[in-house]
C-alpha atoms as a PDB file:
ATOM      1  CA  MET A   1     -84.152-196.536-146.913  1.00  0.00           C
ATOM      2  CA  ASP A   2     -85.392-199.592-145.090  1.00  0.00           C
ATOM      3  CA  LYS A   3     -81.958-201.287-144.863  1.00  0.00           C
ATOM      4  CA  LEU A   4     -80.273-198.268-143.258  1.00  0.00           C
ATOM      5  CA  GLN A   5     -80.071-197.731-139.510  1.00  0.00           C
ATOM      6  CA  ILE A   6     -78.446-194.573-138.132  1.00  0.00           C
ATOM      7  CA  ILE A   7     -77.439-194.500-134.477  1.00  0.00           C
ATOM      8  CA  TRP A   8     -76.784-190.882-133.555  1.00  0.00           C
ATOM      9  CA  GLY A   9     -75.186-191.572-130.180  1.00  0.00           C
ATOM     10  CA  ASP A  10     -74.434-188.238-128.529  1.00  0.00           C
ATOM     11  CA  LEU A  11     -74.135-186.393-131.850  1.00  0.00           C
ATOM     12  CA  GLU A  12     -76.838-183.861-132.665  1.00  0.00           C
ATOM     13  CA  ARG A  13     -78.958-184.989-135.611  1.00  0.00           C
ATOM     14  CA  THR A  14     -78.918-182.517-138.478  1.00  0.00           C
ATOM     15  CA  GLU A  15     -80.590-182.694-141.858  1.00  0.00           C
ATOM     16  CA  ALA A  16     -77.275-182.020-143.621  1.00  0.00           C
ATOM     17  CA  ILE A  17     -75.443-184.897-141.924  1.00  0.00           C
ATOM     18  CA  GLU A  18     -78.408-187.220-142.426  1.00  0.00           C
ATOM     19  CA  SER A  19     -78.563-186.326-146.128  1.00  0.00           C
ATOM     20  CA  HIS A  20     -74.830-187.006-146.516  1.00  0.00           C
ATOM     21  CA  ILE A  21     -75.225-190.396-144.813  1.00  0.00           C
ATOM     22  CA  PHE A  22     -78.168-191.274-147.091  1.00  0.00           C
ATOM     23  CA  GLU A  23     -76.074-190.461-150.179  1.00  0.00           C
ATOM     24  CA  ARG A  24     -73.166-192.621-149.013  1.00  0.00           C
ATOM     25  CA  ALA A  25     -75.489-195.424-147.906  1.00  0.00           C
ATOM     26  CA  GLU A  26     -77.238-195.446-151.275  1.00  0.00           C
ATOM     27  CA  LYS A  27     -73.909-196.020-153.035  1.00  0.00           C
ATOM     28  CA  ILE A  28     -72.934-198.799-150.627  1.00  0.00           C
ATOM     29  CA  LEU A  29     -76.290-200.573-150.892  1.00  0.00           C
ATOM     30  CA  SER A  30     -76.455-200.275-154.694  1.00  0.00           C
ATOM     31  CA  PHE A  31     -72.998-201.897-154.900  1.00  0.00           C
ATOM     32  CA  SER A  32     -74.107-204.606-152.428  1.00  0.00           C
ATOM     33  CA  PRO A  33     -77.647-205.624-153.422  1.00  0.00           C
ATOM     34  CA  LYS A  34     -77.515-208.758-151.247  1.00  0.00           C
ATOM     35  CA  ALA A  35     -76.888-206.713-148.094  1.00  0.00           C
ATOM     36  CA  THR A  36     -79.430-207.218-145.340  1.00  0.00           C
ATOM     37  CA  ASN A  37     -78.629-204.138-143.254  1.00  0.00           C
ATOM     38  CA  LEU A  38     -76.337-201.109-143.089  1.00  0.00           C
ATOM     39  CA  VAL A  39     -75.670-199.625-139.665  1.00  0.00           C
ATOM     40  CA  VAL A  40     -74.038-196.212-139.234  1.00  0.00           C
ATOM     41  CA  ASN A  41     -73.041-195.377-135.661  1.00  0.00           C
ATOM     42  CA  LEU A  42     -71.946-191.802-134.899  1.00  0.00           C
ATOM     43  CA  LYS A  43     -70.444-190.532-131.669  1.00  0.00           C
ATOM     44  CA  THR A  44     -68.428-187.700-130.221  1.00  0.00           C
ATOM     45  CA  ILE A  45     -65.085-188.776-128.768  1.00  0.00           C
ATOM     46  CA  ASN A  46     -63.990-185.334-127.514  1.00  0.00           C
ATOM     47  CA  ASN A  47     -66.200-182.302-127.449  1.00  0.00           C
ATOM     48  CA  THR A  48     -65.009-178.713-127.573  1.00  0.00           C
ATOM     49  CA  ALA A  49     -65.493-178.280-123.826  1.00  0.00           C
ATOM     50  CA  SER A  50     -62.894-180.932-122.981  1.00  0.00           C
ATOM     51  CA  ALA A  51     -60.246-180.635-125.701  1.00  0.00           C
ATOM     52  CA  GLY A  52     -60.901-177.526-127.740  1.00  0.00           C
ATOM     53  CA  VAL A  53     -61.636-179.440-130.955  1.00  0.00           C
ATOM     54  CA  ASN A  54     -64.530-181.814-131.613  1.00  0.00           C
ATOM     55  CA  THR A  55     -63.397-185.325-132.458  1.00  0.00           C
ATOM     56  CA  PHE A  56     -65.889-187.818-133.843  1.00  0.00           C
ATOM     57  CA  ALA A  57     -66.074-191.527-134.641  1.00  0.00           C
ATOM     58  CA  VAL A  58     -68.074-193.012-137.491  1.00  0.00           C
ATOM     59  CA  ASN A  59     -68.544-196.769-137.448  1.00  0.00           C
ATOM     60  CA  VAL A  60     -70.190-198.351-140.509  1.00  0.00           C
ATOM     61  CA  GLU A  61     -71.187-202.009-140.637  1.00  0.00           C
ATOM     62  CA  LEU A  62     -72.592-203.672-143.739  1.00  0.00           C
ATOM     63  CA  ARG A  63     -74.334-206.931-142.969  1.00  0.00           C
ATOM     64  CA  LEU A  64     -74.115-209.490-145.741  1.00  0.00           C
ATOM     65  CA  PRO A  65     -75.373-213.082-146.135  1.00  0.00           C
ATOM     66  CA  ASN A  66     -73.294-216.034-144.923  1.00  0.00           C
ATOM     67  CA  HIS A  67     -71.557-214.046-142.160  1.00  0.00           C
ATOM     68  CA  GLN A  68     -69.538-212.001-144.668  1.00  0.00           C
ATOM     69  CA  ASP A  69     -70.128-208.704-142.832  1.00  0.00           C
ATOM     70  CA  VAL A  70     -67.693-205.828-143.350  1.00  0.00           C
ATOM     71  CA  ARG A  71     -67.082-202.815-141.179  1.00  0.00           C
ATOM     72  CA  ALA A  72     -65.062-199.632-141.099  1.00  0.00           C
ATOM     73  CA  GLU A  73     -64.395-197.199-138.290  1.00  0.00           C
ATOM     74  CA  LYS A  74     -62.982-193.730-138.860  1.00  0.00           C
ATOM     75  CA  THR A  75     -62.135-191.017-136.350  1.00  0.00           C
ATOM     76  CA  GLY A  76     -61.394-187.333-136.872  1.00  0.00           C
ATOM     77  CA  GLU A  77     -62.771-183.790-136.801  1.00  0.00           C
ATOM     78  CA  ASP A  78     -65.007-183.786-139.925  1.00  0.00           C
ATOM     79  CA  VAL A  79     -68.077-186.058-139.793  1.00  0.00           C
ATOM     80  CA  TYR A  80     -68.698-185.660-143.537  1.00  0.00           C
ATOM     81  CA  ARG A  81     -65.151-186.704-144.430  1.00  0.00           C
ATOM     82  CA  LEU A  82     -65.288-189.613-141.977  1.00  0.00           C
ATOM     83  CA  MET A  83     -68.488-190.949-143.560  1.00  0.00           C
ATOM     84  CA  THR A  84     -66.995-190.633-147.053  1.00  0.00           C
ATOM     85  CA  ASP A  85     -63.805-192.410-145.947  1.00  0.00           C
ATOM     86  CA  ALA A  86     -65.840-195.167-144.277  1.00  0.00           C
ATOM     87  CA  GLN A  87     -67.873-195.571-147.478  1.00  0.00           C
ATOM     88  CA  HIS A  88     -64.683-196.038-149.507  1.00  0.00           C
ATOM     89  CA  ALA A  89     -63.356-198.580-146.999  1.00  0.00           C
ATOM     90  CA  ILE A  90     -66.605-200.579-147.095  1.00  0.00           C
ATOM     91  CA  LEU A  91     -66.720-200.559-150.911  1.00  0.00           C
ATOM     92  CA  THR A  92     -63.090-201.741-151.080  1.00  0.00           C
ATOM     93  CA  GLN A  93     -63.875-204.646-148.764  1.00  0.00           C
ATOM     94  CA  VAL A  94     -67.019-205.593-150.698  1.00  0.00           C
ATOM     95  CA  LYS A  95     -65.120-205.468-153.993  1.00  0.00           C
ATOM     96  CA  SER A  96     -62.475-207.782-152.541  1.00  0.00           C
ATOM     97  CA  LYS A  97     -65.131-210.259-151.368  1.00  0.00           C
ATOM     98  CA  LYS A  98     -66.788-210.171-154.800  1.00  0.00           C
ATOM     99  CA  GLU A  99     -63.443-210.867-156.489  1.00  0.00           C
ATOM    100  CA  GLN A 100     -62.969-213.844-154.162  1.00  0.00           C
ATOM    101  CA  HIS A 101     -66.536-214.993-154.965  1.00  0.00           C
ATOM    102  CA  LEU A 102     -67.450-214.874-151.277  1.00  0.00           C
ATOM    103  CA  ILE A 103     -70.582-212.847-151.954  1.00  0.00           C
END
């Protein structure tokens, strides 16, 4: 996917997480054909050594023409759920912009 950029931060890259991100990104980009770029930034907020439970942040930014970019940031313990929730938030924002004829 040439429009997708994944920034792994301090999170270990795994094929399973990458595959999940690709699936979510495909849905976002198919709903937003005018998008120029989709950036997914992953990071660990707390690791098990410091707090007992891993906490992650997923930040998704969809870059659209005419400075109509949308973004969503989710935090929690399940990276897969966070990416899915961020996808839903992005799609809601894009739908709203389409209804307002902004994109």
